[in-house]
Every structure is written in structure tokens, then in C-alpha cells.
Amino acid sequence: MSQNWTRKIAVTGALSAIAIVLGLTRWGFLPWPTGTAVTIMHIPAIIGAILEGPIVGGAIGLIFGLFSVLQAAIAPTGPGDVIFTNPLISVLPRLLFAPAAWLVWAALKRWPIAGLVATGAIGSLLHSGMVLGMIGLLGVYPWPVIGATFVAKGIPEMIVSIVLVTAVTGAWMGIAVGRKKGSDL
């Protein structure tokens, strides 16, 4: 096995473990004034896609989606969690959003900071849009509720994603942000 594939497998495993720990400990859900939680569980998949490509990002997203199905079936935290037992809602969008976010990174990596910010923002919006869009397509909730949810949760998730994706990935890649570089971020 080549060293490149060994690295991809290691990154996939490490970031998947982070996503699972975020879910098990509930650290992946930040309380929000609307009474719902803002998730950061999609961020490891975005980071994996940036660092190692669309297959790694998709694999981490798949593990996140499978964990979401299990969590919704075994230990739901509220009545709304039941809809996430449907793999079309919880797995399919999470399998696809990180490879799509990688396309943003691939197009903008010549400008690393702008690329990281855009990938964090668009990746997060893709995640929210795909999950909520599938909920709407399946007729679980009406579109006005989905739109309000996208604004109430999608925008804060995007802001958190921009900060974490830029800081973590920038530090890992040793990208200079102002006077800070690498682990100084």
C-alpha cells in the first residue's frame, strides 16, 4: 500500500472518530437561542475533503450519516430526531456534501485563505441545504418551515464552519494568516 493511501486512511479514521466523539458527547451540538442546536459535526468531513480529497471527505460524511441514523434510532434527543432514521435524510446528503465542498477548494486553492473561508462557508451551506432539501422533498415539513430553519440554523453553522475550517486546516497546512502561521493560528 502506498504511503499516500495510508495517510488517507489515517486521516479518514481520525476525523471520523472526531465526528463520532462529537456526536456521542453531544459536543457537536452547540445550544442556540432559538431553542435548537447548531451542529459542528459536518466540519470534520469538510476538513477531510480539503486535506485528502473528495473520497476521504465522502467517507467521513458517510460515517457521520450512519452515526446519525444510529443516534436517531437508539437515543433520539427529541421528537424531531425520528426523521433522521431515514437514510435519504441522514446519510445521502452527508455522503455527497463534502465531495461537493472539495470542488470549491479545488477551484480556489491558489488563494488559500479565501479558499478555506469559501470552502467552510459553502460546505456548511451545502450540508444544511442538502439535509433540509431532502426533508422538504420527502414532504416531512412544509417549505416555509424549512426555509426558516435554514436561516435560523444554517447561517450560524456557516459562521462556525468558516472559523473552524480556516483555523484547523490553515494550521495543519501551515498557511499564513496575517502574522500567524501553522500552529500559531
C-alpha atoms as a PDB file:
ATOM      1  CA  MET A   1       0.000   0.000   0.000  1.00  0.00           C
ATOM      2  CA  SER A   2       1.401   3.368  -0.918  1.00  0.00           C
ATOM      3  CA  GLN A   3       2.138   5.962   1.713  1.00  0.00           C
ATOM      4  CA  ASN A   4      -0.489   8.261   0.168  1.00  0.00           C
ATOM      5  CA  TRP A   5      -3.285   5.723   0.764  1.00  0.00           C
ATOM      6  CA  THR A   6      -2.006   5.035   4.265  1.00  0.00           C
ATOM      7  CA  ARG A   7      -2.260   8.753   5.014  1.00  0.00           C
ATOM      8  CA  LYS A   8      -5.770   8.949   3.526  1.00  0.00           C
ATOM      9  CA  ILE A   9      -6.937   6.016   5.644  1.00  0.00           C
ATOM     10  CA  ALA A  10      -5.375   7.520   8.784  1.00  0.00           C
ATOM     11  CA  VAL A  11      -6.968  10.932   8.177  1.00  0.00           C
ATOM     12  CA  THR A  12     -10.331   9.291   7.434  1.00  0.00           C
ATOM     13  CA  GLY A  13     -10.165   7.291  10.647  1.00  0.00           C
ATOM     14  CA  ALA A  14      -9.042  10.197  12.824  1.00  0.00           C
ATOM     15  CA  LEU A  15     -11.606  12.674  11.515  1.00  0.00           C
ATOM     16  CA  SER A  16     -14.381  10.048  11.577  1.00  0.00           C
ATOM     17  CA  ALA A  17     -13.519   9.350  15.206  1.00  0.00           C
ATOM     18  CA  ILE A  18     -13.752  13.068  15.943  1.00  0.00           C
ATOM     19  CA  ALA A  19     -17.203  13.208  14.313  1.00  0.00           C
ATOM     20  CA  ILE A  20     -18.358  10.205  16.362  1.00  0.00           C
ATOM     21  CA  VAL A  21     -16.991  11.663  19.618  1.00  0.00           C
ATOM     22  CA  LEU A  22     -18.728  14.959  18.845  1.00  0.00           C
ATOM     23  CA  GLY A  23     -21.988  13.051  18.465  1.00  0.00           C
ATOM     24  CA  LEU A  24     -21.629  10.741  21.457  1.00  0.00           C
ATOM     25  CA  THR A  25     -20.663  13.510  23.849  1.00  0.00           C
ATOM     26  CA  ARG A  26     -23.149  15.991  22.311  1.00  0.00           C
ATOM     27  CA  TRP A  27     -20.241  18.470  21.935  1.00  0.00           C
ATOM     28  CA  GLY A  28     -21.141  18.549  18.256  1.00  0.00           C
ATOM     29  CA  PHE A  29     -24.374  20.391  19.041  1.00  0.00           C
ATOM     30  CA  LEU A  30     -23.968  23.950  20.291  1.00  0.00           C
ATOM     31  CA  PRO A  31     -27.016  25.433  22.081  1.00  0.00           C
ATOM     32  CA  TRP A  32     -28.615  28.281  20.162  1.00  0.00           C
ATOM     33  CA  PRO A  33     -31.107  30.952  21.326  1.00  0.00           C
ATOM     34  CA  THR A  34     -33.839  29.585  19.028  1.00  0.00           C
ATOM     35  CA  GLY A  35     -34.082  26.514  21.242  1.00  0.00           C
ATOM     36  CA  THR A  36     -32.405  24.257  18.717  1.00  0.00           C
ATOM     37  CA  ALA A  37     -28.778  23.277  18.377  1.00  0.00           C
ATOM     38  CA  VAL A  38     -26.206  24.376  15.832  1.00  0.00           C
ATOM     39  CA  THR A  39     -24.176  21.376  14.669  1.00  0.00           C
ATOM     40  CA  ILE A  40     -20.463  21.257  14.004  1.00  0.00           C
ATOM     41  CA  MET A  41     -20.448  17.538  13.197  1.00  0.00           C
ATOM     42  CA  HIS A  42     -20.119  18.212   9.463  1.00  0.00           C
ATOM     43  CA  ILE A  43     -16.838  20.105   9.871  1.00  0.00           C
ATOM     44  CA  PRO A  44     -14.554  17.014  10.042  1.00  0.00           C
ATOM     45  CA  ALA A  45     -15.896  15.929   6.627  1.00  0.00           C
ATOM     46  CA  ILE A  46     -15.118  19.355   5.127  1.00  0.00           C
ATOM     47  CA  ILE A  47     -11.625  19.312   6.638  1.00  0.00           C
ATOM     48  CA  GLY A  48     -11.050  15.765   5.359  1.00  0.00           C
ATOM     49  CA  ALA A  49     -12.112  16.784   1.849  1.00  0.00           C
ATOM     50  CA  ILE A  50      -9.710  19.740   1.883  1.00  0.00           C
ATOM     51  CA  LEU A  51      -6.773  17.750   3.260  1.00  0.00           C
ATOM     52  CA  GLU A  52      -7.143  14.481   1.344  1.00  0.00           C
ATOM     53  CA  GLY A  53      -9.749  14.900  -1.391  1.00  0.00           C
ATOM     54  CA  PRO A  54     -13.354  14.051  -2.200  1.00  0.00           C
ATOM     55  CA  ILE A  55     -13.197  10.329  -1.411  1.00  0.00           C
ATOM     56  CA  VAL A  56     -11.920  10.953   2.118  1.00  0.00           C
ATOM     57  CA  GLY A  57     -14.473  13.745   2.651  1.00  0.00           C
ATOM     58  CA  GLY A  58     -17.249  11.491   1.377  1.00  0.00           C
ATOM     59  CA  ALA A  59     -16.130   8.607   3.604  1.00  0.00           C
ATOM     60  CA  ILE A  60     -16.142  10.830   6.698  1.00  0.00           C
ATOM     61  CA  GLY A  61     -19.538  12.206   5.662  1.00  0.00           C
ATOM     62  CA  LEU A  62     -20.821   8.632   5.232  1.00  0.00           C
ATOM     63  CA  ILE A  63     -19.653   7.690   8.721  1.00  0.00           C
ATOM     64  CA  PHE A  64     -21.271  10.872  10.082  1.00  0.00           C
ATOM     65  CA  GLY A  65     -24.527   9.956   8.302  1.00  0.00           C
ATOM     66  CA  LEU A  66     -24.512   6.347   9.522  1.00  0.00           C
ATOM     67  CA  PHE A  67     -23.810   7.537  13.048  1.00  0.00           C
ATOM     68  CA  SER A  68     -26.720   9.985  12.698  1.00  0.00           C
ATOM     69  CA  VAL A  69     -29.109   7.147  11.746  1.00  0.00           C
ATOM     70  CA  LEU A  70     -27.984   5.063  14.709  1.00  0.00           C
ATOM     71  CA  GLN A  71     -28.184   8.009  17.101  1.00  0.00           C
ATOM     72  CA  ALA A  72     -31.710   8.875  15.917  1.00  0.00           C
ATOM     73  CA  ALA A  73     -32.862   5.266  16.243  1.00  0.00           C
ATOM     74  CA  ILE A  74     -31.177   4.385  19.530  1.00  0.00           C
ATOM     75  CA  ALA A  75     -31.019   7.638  21.515  1.00  0.00           C
ATOM     76  CA  PRO A  76     -33.155  10.414  19.992  1.00  0.00           C
ATOM     77  CA  THR A  77     -32.975  13.693  21.888  1.00  0.00           C
ATOM     78  CA  GLY A  78     -36.342  14.984  20.729  1.00  0.00           C
ATOM     79  CA  PRO A  79     -39.354  14.185  18.572  1.00  0.00           C
ATOM     80  CA  GLY A  80     -37.730  15.761  15.511  1.00  0.00           C
ATOM     81  CA  ASP A  81     -34.890  13.231  15.579  1.00  0.00           C
ATOM     82  CA  VAL A  82     -37.162  10.445  14.328  1.00  0.00           C
ATOM     83  CA  ILE A  83     -36.975  11.757  10.750  1.00  0.00           C
ATOM     84  CA  PHE A  84     -33.219  11.129  10.783  1.00  0.00           C
ATOM     85  CA  THR A  85     -33.820   7.361  10.881  1.00  0.00           C
ATOM     86  CA  ASN A  86     -34.500   7.717   7.145  1.00  0.00           C
ATOM     87  CA  PRO A  87     -31.146   7.233   5.332  1.00  0.00           C
ATOM     88  CA  LEU A  88     -32.285   9.526   2.497  1.00  0.00           C
ATOM     89  CA  ILE A  89     -32.268  12.361   5.038  1.00  0.00           C
ATOM     90  CA  SER A  90     -29.393  11.424   7.307  1.00  0.00           C
ATOM     91  CA  VAL A  91     -26.934   9.517   5.073  1.00  0.00           C
ATOM     92  CA  LEU A  92     -27.278  10.550   1.421  1.00  0.00           C
ATOM     93  CA  PRO A  93     -26.756  14.324   1.858  1.00  0.00           C
ATOM     94  CA  ARG A  94     -23.844  13.733   4.219  1.00  0.00           C
ATOM     95  CA  LEU A  95     -22.214  11.381   1.742  1.00  0.00           C
ATOM     96  CA  LEU A  96     -22.419  13.984  -1.034  1.00  0.00           C
ATOM     97  CA  PHE A  97     -21.809  17.411   0.520  1.00  0.00           C
ATOM     98  CA  ALA A  98     -18.091  17.016   1.335  1.00  0.00           C
ATOM     99  CA  PRO A  99     -17.062  15.966  -2.204  1.00  0.00           C
ATOM    100  CA  ALA A 100     -19.030  18.979  -3.469  1.00  0.00           C
ATOM    101  CA  ALA A 101     -17.184  21.191  -0.960  1.00  0.00           C
ATOM    102  CA  TRP A 102     -13.904  19.750  -2.257  1.00  0.00           C
ATOM    103  CA  LEU A 103     -14.775  21.150  -5.690  1.00  0.00           C
ATOM    104  CA  VAL A 104     -14.852  24.626  -4.120  1.00  0.00           C
ATOM    105  CA  TRP A 105     -11.433  24.039  -2.539  1.00  0.00           C
ATOM    106  CA  ALA A 106     -10.010  22.650  -5.786  1.00  0.00           C
ATOM    107  CA  ALA A 107     -11.143  25.776  -7.637  1.00  0.00           C
ATOM    108  CA  LEU A 108      -9.806  28.231  -5.026  1.00  0.00           C
ATOM    109  CA  LYS A 109      -6.710  26.602  -3.521  1.00  0.00           C
ATOM    110  CA  ARG A 110      -4.407  29.045  -5.347  1.00  0.00           C
ATOM    111  CA  TRP A 111      -5.714  31.613  -2.821  1.00  0.00           C
ATOM    112  CA  PRO A 112      -5.509  29.501   0.345  1.00  0.00           C
ATOM    113  CA  ILE A 113      -7.207  31.783   2.864  1.00  0.00           C
ATOM    114  CA  ALA A 114     -10.058  32.733   0.524  1.00  0.00           C
ATOM    115  CA  GLY A 115     -10.308  29.082  -0.485  1.00  0.00           C
ATOM    116  CA  LEU A 116     -10.574  27.863   3.108  1.00  0.00           C
ATOM    117  CA  VAL A 117     -13.147  30.522   4.001  1.00  0.00           C
ATOM    118  CA  ALA A 118     -15.224  29.777   0.892  1.00  0.00           C
ATOM    119  CA  THR A 119     -14.968  26.009   1.356  1.00  0.00           C
ATOM    120  CA  GLY A 120     -16.000  26.280   5.016  1.00  0.00           C
ATOM    121  CA  ALA A 121     -18.940  28.519   4.121  1.00  0.00           C
ATOM    122  CA  ILE A 122     -20.174  26.704   1.028  1.00  0.00           C
ATOM    123  CA  GLY A 123     -19.550  23.257   2.512  1.00  0.00           C
ATOM    124  CA  SER A 124     -21.647  24.128   5.541  1.00  0.00           C
ATOM    125  CA  LEU A 125     -24.421  25.647   3.426  1.00  0.00           C
ATOM    126  CA  LEU A 126     -24.384  22.590   1.161  1.00  0.00           C
ATOM    127  CA  HIS A 127     -24.740  20.335   4.194  1.00  0.00           C
ATOM    128  CA  SER A 128     -27.680  22.318   5.577  1.00  0.00           C
ATOM    129  CA  GLY A 129     -29.292  22.747   2.182  1.00  0.00           C
ATOM    130  CA  MET A 130     -28.995  19.087   1.212  1.00  0.00           C
ATOM    131  CA  VAL A 131     -30.362  17.748   4.508  1.00  0.00           C
ATOM    132  CA  LEU A 132     -33.200  20.282   4.676  1.00  0.00           C
ATOM    133  CA  GLY A 133     -33.879  19.936   0.959  1.00  0.00           C
ATOM    134  CA  MET A 134     -34.311  16.183   1.339  1.00  0.00           C
ATOM    135  CA  ILE A 135     -36.653  16.774   4.273  1.00  0.00           C
ATOM    136  CA  GLY A 136     -38.688  19.087   2.028  1.00  0.00           C
ATOM    137  CA  LEU A 137     -38.632  16.735  -0.974  1.00  0.00           C
ATOM    138  CA  LEU A 138     -39.917  13.897   1.184  1.00  0.00           C
ATOM    139  CA  GLY A 139     -42.705  16.154   2.483  1.00  0.00           C
ATOM    140  CA  VAL A 140     -41.754  15.828   6.146  1.00  0.00           C
ATOM    141  CA  TYR A 141     -42.104  19.570   6.813  1.00  0.00           C
ATOM    142  CA  PRO A 142     -43.527  22.379   4.670  1.00  0.00           C
ATOM    143  CA  TRP A 143     -41.075  24.512   2.677  1.00  0.00           C
ATOM    144  CA  PRO A 144     -41.650  27.727   4.712  1.00  0.00           C
ATOM    145  CA  VAL A 145     -40.575  25.881   7.877  1.00  0.00           C
ATOM    146  CA  ILE A 146     -37.548  24.500   6.055  1.00  0.00           C
ATOM    147  CA  GLY A 147     -36.602  27.983   4.820  1.00  0.00           C
ATOM    148  CA  ALA A 148     -36.890  29.450   8.314  1.00  0.00           C
ATOM    149  CA  THR A 149     -34.817  26.587   9.721  1.00  0.00           C
ATOM    150  CA  PHE A 150     -32.151  27.144   7.058  1.00  0.00           C
ATOM    151  CA  VAL A 151     -31.836  30.808   8.022  1.00  0.00           C
ATOM    152  CA  ALA A 152     -32.026  30.202  11.790  1.00  0.00           C
ATOM    153  CA  LYS A 153     -29.529  27.332  11.855  1.00  0.00           C
ATOM    154  CA  GLY A 154     -27.710  27.351   8.523  1.00  0.00           C
ATOM    155  CA  ILE A 155     -26.206  30.815   8.873  1.00  0.00           C
ATOM    156  CA  PRO A 156     -24.782  30.278  12.399  1.00  0.00           C
ATOM    157  CA  GLU A 157     -23.454  26.855  11.344  1.00  0.00           C
ATOM    158  CA  MET A 158     -21.793  28.501   8.356  1.00  0.00           C
ATOM    159  CA  ILE A 159     -20.072  31.104  10.551  1.00  0.00           C
ATOM    160  CA  VAL A 160     -18.768  28.455  12.960  1.00  0.00           C
ATOM    161  CA  SER A 161     -17.652  26.341   9.998  1.00  0.00           C
ATOM    162  CA  ILE A 162     -15.711  29.226   8.448  1.00  0.00           C
ATOM    163  CA  VAL A 163     -13.823  29.846  11.693  1.00  0.00           C
ATOM    164  CA  LEU A 164     -13.052  26.194  12.492  1.00  0.00           C
ATOM    165  CA  VAL A 165     -12.251  25.056   8.943  1.00  0.00           C
ATOM    166  CA  THR A 166      -9.961  28.034   8.354  1.00  0.00           C
ATOM    167  CA  ALA A 167      -8.182  27.722  11.720  1.00  0.00           C
ATOM    168  CA  VAL A 168      -7.764  23.941  11.822  1.00  0.00           C
ATOM    169  CA  THR A 169      -6.929  23.399   8.157  1.00  0.00           C
ATOM    170  CA  GLY A 170      -4.781  26.526   7.950  1.00  0.00           C
ATOM    171  CA  ALA A 171      -2.775  25.365  10.965  1.00  0.00           C
ATOM    172  CA  TRP A 172      -2.428  21.846   9.579  1.00  0.00           C
ATOM    173  CA  MET A 173      -1.270  23.088   6.174  1.00  0.00           C
ATOM    174  CA  GLY A 174       0.969  25.808   7.622  1.00  0.00           C
ATOM    175  CA  ILE A 175      -0.862  28.588   5.796  1.00  0.00           C
ATOM    176  CA  ALA A 176      -0.020  32.113   6.935  1.00  0.00           C
ATOM    177  CA  VAL A 177      -2.974  34.168   8.187  1.00  0.00           C
ATOM    178  CA  GLY A 178      -1.670  37.669   8.794  1.00  0.00           C
ATOM    179  CA  ARG A 179       1.369  37.237  11.044  1.00  0.00           C
ATOM    180  CA  LYS A 180       0.210  33.849  12.285  1.00  0.00           C
ATOM    181  CA  LYS A 181       1.287  30.652  10.609  1.00  0.00           C
ATOM    182  CA  GLY A 182       0.786  26.955  11.254  1.00  0.00           C
ATOM    183  CA  SER A 183       0.293  26.069  14.901  1.00  0.00           C
ATOM    184  CA  ASP A 184       0.325  29.762  15.856  1.00  0.00           C
ATOM    185  CA  LEU A 185      -3.194  30.018  14.414  1.00  0.00           C
END
